C-alpha atoms as a PDB file:
ATOM      1  CA  UNK A   1       4.580  56.541 -18.737  1.00  0.00           C
ATOM      2  CA  UNK A   2       1.384  55.317 -17.453  1.00  0.00           C
ATOM      3  CA  UNK A   3       1.954  51.786 -19.073  1.00  0.00           C
ATOM      4  CA  UNK A   4       5.227  51.704 -16.590  1.00  0.00           C
ATOM      5  CA  UNK A   5       3.206  52.371 -13.558  1.00  0.00           C
ATOM      6  CA  UNK A   6       0.585  49.805 -14.153  1.00  0.00           C
ATOM      7  CA  UNK A   7       3.255  47.037 -14.768  1.00  0.00           C
ATOM      8  CA  UNK A   8       4.681  48.118 -11.718  1.00  0.00           C
ATOM      9  CA  UNK A   9       1.667  48.179 -10.053  1.00  0.00           C
ATOM     10  CA  UNK A  10       0.668  44.749 -11.491  1.00  0.00           C
ATOM     11  CA  UNK A  11       4.222  43.190 -10.634  1.00  0.00           C
ATOM     12  CA  UNK A  12       3.909  40.411  -8.051  1.00  0.00           C
ATOM     13  CA  UNK A  13       5.538  39.975  -4.813  1.00  0.00           C
ATOM     14  CA  UNK A  14       9.484  39.435  -5.055  1.00  0.00           C
ATOM     15  CA  UNK A  15      10.004  35.368  -4.686  1.00  0.00           C
ATOM     16  CA  UNK A  16      11.356  36.093  -1.213  1.00  0.00           C
ATOM     17  CA  UNK A  17       7.909  37.318   0.116  1.00  0.00           C
ATOM     18  CA  UNK A  18       6.006  34.144   0.620  1.00  0.00           C
ATOM     19  CA  UNK A  19       8.973  32.704   3.329  1.00  0.00           C
ATOM     20  CA  UNK A  20       8.464  36.481   5.030  1.00  0.00           C
ATOM     21  CA  UNK A  21       5.107  36.553   5.372  1.00  0.00           C
ATOM     22  CA  UNK A  22       4.422  32.133   6.137  1.00  0.00           C
ATOM     23  CA  UNK A  23       6.534  33.290   9.484  1.00  0.00           C
ATOM     24  CA  UNK A  24       3.126  35.270  10.435  1.00  0.00           C
ATOM     25  CA  UNK A  25       0.997  32.771   9.421  1.00  0.00           C
ATOM     26  CA  UNK A  26       2.816  30.040  11.647  1.00  0.00           C
ATOM     27  CA  UNK A  27       2.744  31.884  14.435  1.00  0.00           C
ATOM     28  CA  UNK A  28      -0.899  32.934  14.207  1.00  0.00           C
ATOM     29  CA  UNK A  29      -1.552  29.369  13.264  1.00  0.00           C
ATOM     30  CA  UNK A  30      -0.023  27.464  16.112  1.00  0.00           C
ATOM     31  CA  UNK A  31      -1.445  29.886  18.840  1.00  0.00           C
ATOM     32  CA  UNK A  32      -4.966  29.285  17.641  1.00  0.00           C
ATOM     33  CA  UNK A  33      -5.009  25.891  16.851  1.00  0.00           C
ATOM     34  CA  UNK A  34      -2.384  23.815  19.027  1.00  0.00           C
ATOM     35  CA  UNK A  35      -5.369  22.758  21.853  1.00  0.00           C
ATOM     36  CA  UNK A  36      -7.058  21.400  19.301  1.00  0.00           C
ATOM     37  CA  UNK A  37      -5.019  19.701  17.587  1.00  0.00           C
ATOM     38  CA  UNK A  38      -3.331  17.828  20.666  1.00  0.00           C
ATOM     39  CA  UNK A  39      -6.993  16.535  21.521  1.00  0.00           C
ATOM     40  CA  UNK A  40      -6.814  15.160  17.855  1.00  0.00           C
ATOM     41  CA  UNK A  41      -3.383  13.570  18.315  1.00  0.00           C
ATOM     42  CA  UNK A  42      -5.062  11.789  21.446  1.00  0.00           C
ATOM     43  CA  UNK A  43      -8.017  10.525  19.879  1.00  0.00           C
ATOM     44  CA  UNK A  44      -6.052   9.344  16.996  1.00  0.00           C
ATOM     45  CA  UNK A  45      -3.563   7.190  19.151  1.00  0.00           C
ATOM     46  CA  UNK A  46      -5.360   6.319  22.593  1.00  0.00           C
ATOM     47  CA  UNK A  47      -5.836   2.865  22.713  1.00  0.00           C
ATOM     48  CA  UNK A  48     -10.069   3.839  24.001  1.00  0.00           C
ATOM     49  CA  UNK A  49      -8.859   6.053  26.616  1.00  0.00           C
ATOM     50  CA  UNK A  50     -11.297   8.676  26.013  1.00  0.00           C
ATOM     51  CA  UNK A  51     -14.839   8.163  24.656  1.00  0.00           C
ATOM     52  CA  UNK A  52     -14.876  11.217  22.816  1.00  0.00           C
ATOM     53  CA  UNK A  53     -13.224  14.806  21.942  1.00  0.00           C
ATOM     54  CA  UNK A  54     -14.845  16.406  24.990  1.00  0.00           C
ATOM     55  CA  UNK A  55     -14.216  13.759  27.318  1.00  0.00           C
ATOM     56  CA  UNK A  56     -10.589  13.907  25.748  1.00  0.00           C
ATOM     57  CA  UNK A  57     -10.084  17.744  26.349  1.00  0.00           C
ATOM     58  CA  UNK A  58     -12.045  17.759  29.933  1.00  0.00           C
ATOM     59  CA  UNK A  59      -9.803  14.931  31.154  1.00  0.00           C
ATOM     60  CA  UNK A  60      -6.767  16.681  29.936  1.00  0.00           C
ATOM     61  CA  UNK A  61      -7.797  19.628  31.865  1.00  0.00           C
ATOM     62  CA  UNK A  62      -8.882  17.672  35.149  1.00  0.00           C
ATOM     63  CA  UNK A  63      -5.472  16.091  34.833  1.00  0.00           C
ATOM     64  CA  UNK A  64      -2.733  18.017  33.653  1.00  0.00           C
ATOM     65  CA  UNK A  65      -4.453  21.416  33.731  1.00  0.00           C
ATOM     66  CA  UNK A  66      -4.203  23.870  30.483  1.00  0.00           C
ATOM     67  CA  UNK A  67      -1.145  23.109  30.006  1.00  0.00           C
ATOM     68  CA  UNK A  68      -1.620  19.721  29.174  1.00  0.00           C
ATOM     69  CA  UNK A  69      -3.440  20.854  25.855  1.00  0.00           C
ATOM     70  CA  UNK A  70      -0.228  22.630  25.099  1.00  0.00           C
ATOM     71  CA  UNK A  71       2.149  19.668  25.297  1.00  0.00           C
ATOM     72  CA  UNK A  72       4.630  19.553  22.457  1.00  0.00           C
ATOM     73  CA  UNK A  73       4.220  23.467  21.960  1.00  0.00           C
ATOM     74  CA  UNK A  74       7.534  24.590  21.304  1.00  0.00           C
ATOM     75  CA  UNK A  75       8.003  21.869  18.651  1.00  0.00           C
ATOM     76  CA  UNK A  76       5.523  23.143  16.411  1.00  0.00           C
ATOM     77  CA  UNK A  77       5.622  26.866  17.705  1.00  0.00           C
ATOM     78  CA  UNK A  78       9.153  27.114  15.887  1.00  0.00           C
ATOM     79  CA  UNK A  79       8.129  24.292  13.532  1.00  0.00           C
ATOM     80  CA  UNK A  80       4.901  26.367  12.017  1.00  0.00           C
ATOM     81  CA  UNK A  81       6.852  29.309  11.643  1.00  0.00           C
ATOM     82  CA  UNK A  82       9.496  27.314   9.861  1.00  0.00           C
ATOM     83  CA  UNK A  83       6.952  24.838   8.276  1.00  0.00           C
ATOM     84  CA  UNK A  84       4.334  27.913   6.973  1.00  0.00           C
ATOM     85  CA  UNK A  85       7.280  30.249   5.824  1.00  0.00           C
ATOM     86  CA  UNK A  86       8.582  27.026   3.442  1.00  0.00           C
ATOM     87  CA  UNK A  87       5.079  26.494   2.625  1.00  0.00           C
ATOM     88  CA  UNK A  88       3.954  29.683   1.376  1.00  0.00           C
ATOM     89  CA  UNK A  89       6.927  30.656   0.190  1.00  0.00           C
ATOM     90  CA  UNK A  90       7.320  27.379  -1.845  1.00  0.00           C
ATOM     91  CA  UNK A  91       3.382  28.126  -2.637  1.00  0.00           C
ATOM     92  CA  UNK A  92       4.454  31.553  -3.783  1.00  0.00           C
ATOM     93  CA  UNK A  93       7.444  30.382  -5.957  1.00  0.00           C
ATOM     94  CA  UNK A  94       5.816  28.076  -7.766  1.00  0.00           C
ATOM     95  CA  UNK A  95       2.732  30.155  -8.577  1.00  0.00           C
ATOM     96  CA  UNK A  96       5.155  32.405 -10.120  1.00  0.00           C
ATOM     97  CA  UNK A  97       7.067  29.737 -12.032  1.00  0.00           C
ATOM     98  CA  UNK A  98       3.718  28.319 -13.489  1.00  0.00           C
ATOM     99  CA  UNK A  99       2.503  31.465 -14.634  1.00  0.00           C
ATOM    100  CA  UNK A 100       5.774  32.727 -16.427  1.00  0.00           C
ATOM    101  CA  UNK A 101       6.722  29.635 -17.875  1.00  0.00           C
ATOM    102  CA  UNK A 102       3.158  27.954 -18.964  1.00  0.00           C
ATOM    103  CA  UNK A 103       0.420  30.947 -18.568  1.00  0.00           C
ATOM    104  CA  UNK A 104       2.467  33.887 -19.573  1.00  0.00           C
ATOM    105  CA  UNK A 105      -0.591  34.825 -21.763  1.00  0.00           C
ATOM    106  CA  UNK A 106      -3.220  34.410 -19.156  1.00  0.00           C
ATOM    107  CA  UNK A 107      -4.204  37.437 -17.213  1.00  0.00           C
ATOM    108  CA  UNK A 108      -3.776  35.371 -14.267  1.00  0.00           C
ATOM    109  CA  UNK A 109      -2.921  31.923 -12.782  1.00  0.00           C
ATOM    110  CA  UNK A 110      -5.529  29.296 -14.070  1.00  0.00           C
ATOM    111  CA  UNK A 111      -7.115  27.345 -11.496  1.00  0.00           C
ATOM    112  CA  UNK A 112      -5.223  24.084 -12.215  1.00  0.00           C
ATOM    113  CA  UNK A 113      -2.064  26.467 -12.165  1.00  0.00           C
ATOM    114  CA  UNK A 114      -2.534  26.609  -8.149  1.00  0.00           C
ATOM    115  CA  UNK A 115      -3.353  23.025  -8.001  1.00  0.00           C
ATOM    116  CA  UNK A 116       0.074  22.096  -9.055  1.00  0.00           C
ATOM    117  CA  UNK A 117       1.473  24.841  -6.966  1.00  0.00           C
ATOM    118  CA  UNK A 118      -0.201  23.967  -4.351  1.00  0.00           C
ATOM    119  CA  UNK A 119       1.236  19.943  -4.773  1.00  0.00           C
ATOM    120  CA  UNK A 120       4.450  20.968  -4.999  1.00  0.00           C
ATOM    121  CA  UNK A 121       4.185  23.424  -1.951  1.00  0.00           C
ATOM    122  CA  UNK A 122       3.173  20.442  -0.172  1.00  0.00           C
ATOM    123  CA  UNK A 123       5.486  18.025  -1.286  1.00  0.00           C
ATOM    124  CA  UNK A 124       8.468  20.563  -0.682  1.00  0.00           C
ATOM    125  CA  UNK A 125       7.299  21.065   3.061  1.00  0.00           C
ATOM    126  CA  UNK A 126       6.707  17.543   3.777  1.00  0.00           C
ATOM    127  CA  UNK A 127      10.644  17.263   4.080  1.00  0.00           C
ATOM    128  CA  UNK A 128      10.555  20.061   6.502  1.00  0.00           C
ATOM    129  CA  UNK A 129       7.434  18.999   8.195  1.00  0.00           C
ATOM    130  CA  UNK A 130       8.462  14.829   9.039  1.00  0.00           C
ATOM    131  CA  UNK A 131      10.818  15.752  11.840  1.00  0.00           C
ATOM    132  CA  UNK A 132       8.673  18.123  13.463  1.00  0.00           C
ATOM    133  CA  UNK A 133       5.266  16.518  13.390  1.00  0.00           C
ATOM    134  CA  UNK A 134       7.165  13.389  14.778  1.00  0.00           C
ATOM    135  CA  UNK A 135       8.510  15.163  18.148  1.00  0.00           C
ATOM    136  CA  UNK A 136       4.935  16.926  18.391  1.00  0.00           C
ATOM    137  CA  UNK A 137       2.754  13.712  18.329  1.00  0.00           C
ATOM    138  CA  UNK A 138       5.438  12.054  20.731  1.00  0.00           C
ATOM    139  CA  UNK A 139       5.016  14.675  23.040  1.00  0.00           C
ATOM    140  CA  UNK A 140       0.838  14.829  22.577  1.00  0.00           C
ATOM    141  CA  UNK A 141       0.607  11.242  23.799  1.00  0.00           C
ATOM    142  CA  UNK A 142       2.406  11.679  27.063  1.00  0.00           C
ATOM    143  CA  UNK A 143      -0.508  11.629  29.421  1.00  0.00           C
ATOM    144  CA  UNK A 144       0.960  10.866  32.512  1.00  0.00           C
ATOM    145  CA  UNK A 145       3.797  10.158  34.651  1.00  0.00           C
ATOM    146  CA  UNK A 146       3.515   6.183  33.755  1.00  0.00           C
ATOM    147  CA  UNK A 147       3.526   7.429  30.081  1.00  0.00           C
ATOM    148  CA  UNK A 148       5.988   9.890  29.899  1.00  0.00           C
ATOM    149  CA  UNK A 149       9.047   8.518  28.039  1.00  0.00           C
ATOM    150  CA  UNK A 150      10.524  11.862  26.641  1.00  0.00           C
ATOM    151  CA  UNK A 151      11.504  15.470  29.158  1.00  0.00           C
ATOM    152  CA  UNK A 152      10.721  17.682  26.706  1.00  0.00           C
ATOM    153  CA  UNK A 153      11.474  18.004  22.181  1.00  0.00           C
ATOM    154  CA  UNK A 154      15.502  18.265  23.092  1.00  0.00           C
ATOM    155  CA  UNK A 155      15.259  15.008  24.852  1.00  0.00           C
ATOM    156  CA  UNK A 156      12.879  13.598  22.549  1.00  0.00           C
ATOM    157  CA  UNK A 157      15.044  15.008  19.420  1.00  0.00           C
ATOM    158  CA  UNK A 158      18.403  13.477  21.245  1.00  0.00           C
ATOM    159  CA  UNK A 159      17.071  10.009  21.845  1.00  0.00           C
ATOM    160  CA  UNK A 160      15.586   9.835  18.061  1.00  0.00           C
ATOM    161  CA  UNK A 161      18.534  10.432  16.631  1.00  0.00           C
ATOM    162  CA  UNK A 162      20.825   8.518  18.942  1.00  0.00           C
ATOM    163  CA  UNK A 163      18.691   5.564  17.733  1.00  0.00           C
ATOM    164  CA  UNK A 164      18.966   5.699  14.455  1.00  0.00           C
ATOM    165  CA  UNK A 165      20.397   9.232  13.332  1.00  0.00           C
ATOM    166  CA  UNK A 166      17.988  11.095  10.843  1.00  0.00           C
ATOM    167  CA  UNK A 167      16.329   7.883   9.442  1.00  0.00           C
ATOM    168  CA  UNK A 168      14.237   7.773  12.159  1.00  0.00           C
ATOM    169  CA  UNK A 169      13.252  11.554  12.105  1.00  0.00           C
ATOM    170  CA  UNK A 170      12.180  10.636   8.539  1.00  0.00           C
ATOM    171  CA  UNK A 171      10.088   7.294   9.016  1.00  0.00           C
ATOM    172  CA  UNK A 172       6.834   9.521   8.834  1.00  0.00           C
ATOM    173  CA  UNK A 173       8.327  10.979   5.432  1.00  0.00           C
ATOM    174  CA  UNK A 174       6.544   9.083   3.059  1.00  0.00           C
ATOM    175  CA  UNK A 175       3.116   9.042   5.039  1.00  0.00           C
ATOM    176  CA  UNK A 176       3.450  13.064   5.410  1.00  0.00           C
ATOM    177  CA  UNK A 177       4.024  13.549   1.597  1.00  0.00           C
ATOM    178  CA  UNK A 178       0.986  11.367   1.123  1.00  0.00           C
ATOM    179  CA  UNK A 179      -1.218  13.522   3.399  1.00  0.00           C
ATOM    180  CA  UNK A 180      -0.043  16.774   1.999  1.00  0.00           C
ATOM    181  CA  UNK A 181      -0.853  15.909  -1.672  1.00  0.00           C
ATOM    182  CA  UNK A 182      -4.422  16.795  -0.679  1.00  0.00           C
ATOM    183  CA  UNK A 183      -2.867  20.423  -0.912  1.00  0.00           C
ATOM    184  CA  UNK A 184      -4.396  20.262  -4.152  1.00  0.00           C
ATOM    185  CA  UNK A 185      -7.634  20.278  -2.606  1.00  0.00           C
ATOM    186  CA  UNK A 186      -6.647  23.375  -0.336  1.00  0.00           C
ATOM    187  CA  UNK A 187      -4.969  25.695  -2.763  1.00  0.00           C
ATOM    188  CA  UNK A 188      -7.738  24.658  -5.359  1.00  0.00           C
ATOM    189  CA  UNK A 189     -10.379  25.395  -3.211  1.00  0.00           C
ATOM    190  CA  UNK A 190      -8.978  28.680  -1.825  1.00  0.00           C
ATOM    191  CA  UNK A 191      -9.080  30.007  -5.475  1.00  0.00           C
ATOM    192  CA  UNK A 192     -12.156  29.178  -6.275  1.00  0.00           C
ATOM    193  CA  UNK A 193     -13.777  30.659  -3.006  1.00  0.00           C
ATOM    194  CA  UNK A 194     -11.433  33.800  -3.242  1.00  0.00           C
ATOM    195  CA  UNK A 195     -13.014  34.534  -6.670  1.00  0.00           C
ATOM    196  CA  UNK A 196     -16.316  33.836  -5.681  1.00  0.00           C
ATOM    197  CA  UNK A 197     -16.197  36.211  -2.775  1.00  0.00           C
ATOM    198  CA  UNK A 198     -14.408  39.046  -4.781  1.00  0.00           C
ATOM    199  CA  UNK A 199     -17.217  38.409  -7.572  1.00  0.00           C
ATOM    200  CA  UNK A 200     -20.280  38.212  -5.331  1.00  0.00           C
ATOM    201  CA  UNK A 201     -19.972  40.379  -2.360  1.00  0.00           C
ATOM    202  CA  UNK A 202     -18.685  43.475  -1.251  1.00  0.00           C
ATOM    203  CA  UNK A 203     -16.374  42.443   1.548  1.00  0.00           C
ATOM    204  CA  UNK A 204     -13.093  43.748   1.786  1.00  0.00           C
ATOM    205  CA  UNK A 205      -9.568  41.776   1.136  1.00  0.00           C
ATOM    206  CA  UNK A 206      -8.965  40.743   4.412  1.00  0.00           C
ATOM    207  CA  UNK A 207     -12.381  39.351   5.502  1.00  0.00           C
ATOM    208  CA  UNK A 208     -11.687  37.281   2.332  1.00  0.00           C
ATOM    209  CA  UNK A 209      -8.793  35.857   3.068  1.00  0.00           C
ATOM    210  CA  UNK A 210     -10.360  35.083   6.647  1.00  0.00           C
ATOM    211  CA  UNK A 211     -13.403  33.412   5.045  1.00  0.00           C
ATOM    212  CA  UNK A 212     -11.564  31.532   2.041  1.00  0.00           C
ATOM    213  CA  UNK A 213      -8.714  30.555   4.681  1.00  0.00           C
ATOM    214  CA  UNK A 214     -10.953  28.664   6.834  1.00  0.00           C
ATOM    215  CA  UNK A 215     -13.079  27.091   4.174  1.00  0.00           C
ATOM    216  CA  UNK A 216     -10.447  25.962   2.197  1.00  0.00           C
ATOM    217  CA  UNK A 217      -8.868  24.734   5.167  1.00  0.00           C
ATOM    218  CA  UNK A 218     -12.169  22.477   6.059  1.00  0.00           C
ATOM    219  CA  UNK A 219     -11.963  21.693   2.368  1.00  0.00           C
ATOM    220  CA  UNK A 220      -8.696  20.212   2.694  1.00  0.00           C
ATOM    221  CA  UNK A 221      -9.100  18.239   5.817  1.00  0.00           C
ATOM    222  CA  UNK A 222     -12.319  16.477   4.798  1.00  0.00           C
ATOM    223  CA  UNK A 223     -10.220  14.982   2.583  1.00  0.00           C
ATOM    224  CA  UNK A 224      -7.059  14.591   4.309  1.00  0.00           C
ATOM    225  CA  UNK A 225      -7.964  13.177   7.710  1.00  0.00           C
ATOM    226  CA  UNK A 226      -7.781   9.868   7.288  1.00  0.00           C
ATOM    227  CA  UNK A 227      -4.038  10.080   5.377  1.00  0.00           C
ATOM    228  CA  UNK A 228      -3.643  12.047   8.658  1.00  0.00           C
ATOM    229  CA  UNK A 229      -4.683   9.554  10.955  1.00  0.00           C
ATOM    230  CA  UNK A 230      -2.259   6.630   9.071  1.00  0.00           C
ATOM    231  CA  UNK A 231       0.655   9.625   9.387  1.00  0.00           C
ATOM    232  CA  UNK A 232       0.381   9.936  12.795  1.00  0.00           C
ATOM    233  CA  UNK A 233       0.165   6.131  14.026  1.00  0.00           C
ATOM    234  CA  UNK A 234       3.294   5.145  11.844  1.00  0.00           C
ATOM    235  CA  UNK A 235       4.789   8.540  13.788  1.00  0.00           C
ATOM    236  CA  UNK A 236       4.405   7.619  17.592  1.00  0.00           C
ATOM    237  CA  UNK A 237       5.425   3.932  16.606  1.00  0.00           C
ATOM    238  CA  UNK A 238       8.186   2.202  18.644  1.00  0.00           C
ATOM    239  CA  UNK A 239      11.571   2.747  16.989  1.00  0.00           C
ATOM    240  CA  UNK A 240      12.680  -0.284  18.227  1.00  0.00           C
ATOM    241  CA  UNK A 241      10.027  -2.924  17.678  1.00  0.00           C
ATOM    242  CA  UNK A 242       7.690  -1.189  15.092  1.00  0.00           C
ATOM    243  CA  UNK A 243       3.910  -2.343  14.125  1.00  0.00           C
ATOM    244  CA  UNK A 244       4.694  -1.273  11.018  1.00  0.00           C
ATOM    245  CA  UNK A 245       6.994  -1.797   8.443  1.00  0.00           C
ATOM    246  CA  UNK A 246       4.980  -0.501   5.726  1.00  0.00           C
ATOM    247  CA  UNK A 247       2.314   1.900   4.739  1.00  0.00           C
ATOM    248  CA  UNK A 248      -0.429  -0.553   4.507  1.00  0.00           C
ATOM    249  CA  UNK A 249       0.465  -2.116   7.695  1.00  0.00           C
ATOM    250  CA  UNK A 250      -0.662   1.022   9.374  1.00  0.00           C
ATOM    251  CA  UNK A 251      -4.225   0.642   7.083  1.00  0.00           C
ATOM    252  CA  UNK A 252      -4.859  -2.168   8.003  1.00  0.00           C
ATOM    253  CA  UNK A 253      -3.758  -1.739  11.682  1.00  0.00           C
ATOM    254  CA  UNK A 254      -6.457   1.018  12.062  1.00  0.00           C
ATOM    255  CA  UNK A 255      -8.988  -0.823  10.340  1.00  0.00           C
ATOM    256  CA  UNK A 256      -8.830  -4.053  12.414  1.00  0.00           C
ATOM    257  CA  UNK A 257      -8.281  -2.362  15.887  1.00  0.00           C
ATOM    258  CA  UNK A 258      -9.590   0.892  15.497  1.00  0.00           C
ATOM    259  CA  UNK A 259     -13.383  -0.205  14.464  1.00  0.00           C
ATOM    260  CA  UNK A 260     -12.787  -0.961  10.757  1.00  0.00           C
ATOM    261  CA  UNK A 261     -13.445   2.715   8.870  1.00  0.00           C
ATOM    262  CA  UNK A 262     -14.586   4.568  11.686  1.00  0.00           C
ATOM    263  CA  UNK A 263     -11.191   4.247  12.803  1.00  0.00           C
ATOM    264  CA  UNK A 264      -9.856   6.671  10.036  1.00  0.00           C
ATOM    265  CA  UNK A 265     -12.278   9.555  11.515  1.00  0.00           C
ATOM    266  CA  UNK A 266     -11.149   9.426  15.170  1.00  0.00           C
ATOM    267  CA  UNK A 267      -9.910  12.529  16.225  1.00  0.00           C
ATOM    268  CA  UNK A 268     -12.065  14.682  13.598  1.00  0.00           C
ATOM    269  CA  UNK A 269     -14.381  16.954  15.330  1.00  0.00           C
ATOM    270  CA  UNK A 270     -11.428  18.804  17.322  1.00  0.00           C
ATOM    271  CA  UNK A 271      -9.550  18.898  14.005  1.00  0.00           C
ATOM    272  CA  UNK A 272     -12.430  20.211  11.918  1.00  0.00           C
ATOM    273  CA  UNK A 273     -13.165  22.629  14.805  1.00  0.00           C
ATOM    274  CA  UNK A 274      -9.583  23.933  14.659  1.00  0.00           C
ATOM    275  CA  UNK A 275      -9.241  24.239  10.932  1.00  0.00           C
ATOM    276  CA  UNK A 276     -11.752  26.698  10.325  1.00  0.00           C
ATOM    277  CA  UNK A 277     -10.304  29.302  13.152  1.00  0.00           C
ATOM    278  CA  UNK A 278      -6.582  28.655  12.855  1.00  0.00           C
ATOM    279  CA  UNK A 279      -5.962  28.666   9.089  1.00  0.00           C
ATOM    280  CA  UNK A 280      -8.300  31.567   8.636  1.00  0.00           C
ATOM    281  CA  UNK A 281      -6.161  33.727  11.011  1.00  0.00           C
ATOM    282  CA  UNK A 282      -3.130  32.017   9.559  1.00  0.00           C
ATOM    283  CA  UNK A 283      -4.269  33.070   5.862  1.00  0.00           C
ATOM    284  CA  UNK A 284      -5.357  36.096   7.110  1.00  0.00           C
ATOM    285  CA  UNK A 285      -2.078  37.253   8.487  1.00  0.00           C
ATOM    286  CA  UNK A 286      -0.165  35.748   5.238  1.00  0.00           C
ATOM    287  CA  UNK A 287      -2.167  37.642   2.749  1.00  0.00           C
ATOM    288  CA  UNK A 288      -2.003  40.454   4.835  1.00  0.00           C
ATOM    289  CA  UNK A 289       2.193  40.929   4.962  1.00  0.00           C
ATOM    290  CA  UNK A 290       2.229  40.077   1.160  1.00  0.00           C
ATOM    291  CA  UNK A 291       0.132  43.276   0.531  1.00  0.00           C
ATOM    292  CA  UNK A 292       3.208  45.237   1.861  1.00  0.00           C
ATOM    293  CA  UNK A 293       5.025  44.471  -1.150  1.00  0.00           C
END
């Protein structure tokens, strides 16, 4: 009887649990992080319009109000809920699959398993993320009436589909997948940091999730940021007269036109400032919901 109780306590959450918990993560992430993300995307894609992230923030507030920092909020609000549900749900499924089929004799999934599960989750969610992030980016770079092309997310979606169907929406799929290969770093570092806090501190599980979530997201963005710049530049490209027919075209353009290697770091400050609070809150929410099972 004791062995049955022990087995029941240690049994992992059901496979669908991660998808439900991911919904809460997505809501939290977008609410906390969207203003930072707007500044990041504008810095990445503007042609000398802003002197820096602070200048971008102040000009946005002056010319557009707080609403300017939340432009493009609806696609990621719906999108992050969906994306985090897919990302964290598939992460949980991949972790269980690897543990049950490759590391069944281990007490827990080793670090390499967490890295592989992270990679799988990153590639899986890319198919959801690519169209959502394209809508978000196109709306975020509408600075004023002269640069306004789309009335809102629905109008943007309809126009892109009318041009060349789903192919237009998935123009950024490969750049999105390249960017998300750095999920290896994210989920590998999350496991390392979580274990360190458990072994060396007396913090609560919620506090550990918060700090591990924020710090691991910071590790992720440090490694993934250049690929994010390339991705966003490709996503806002003119669909009728594209500048970039290949990924390498965008890389060369950024290097040539945006200050060499410095061009791949534009908007990094608001991104790194956003990464900790947004992901710390998001992963705390995710893990809290997962503990219900």
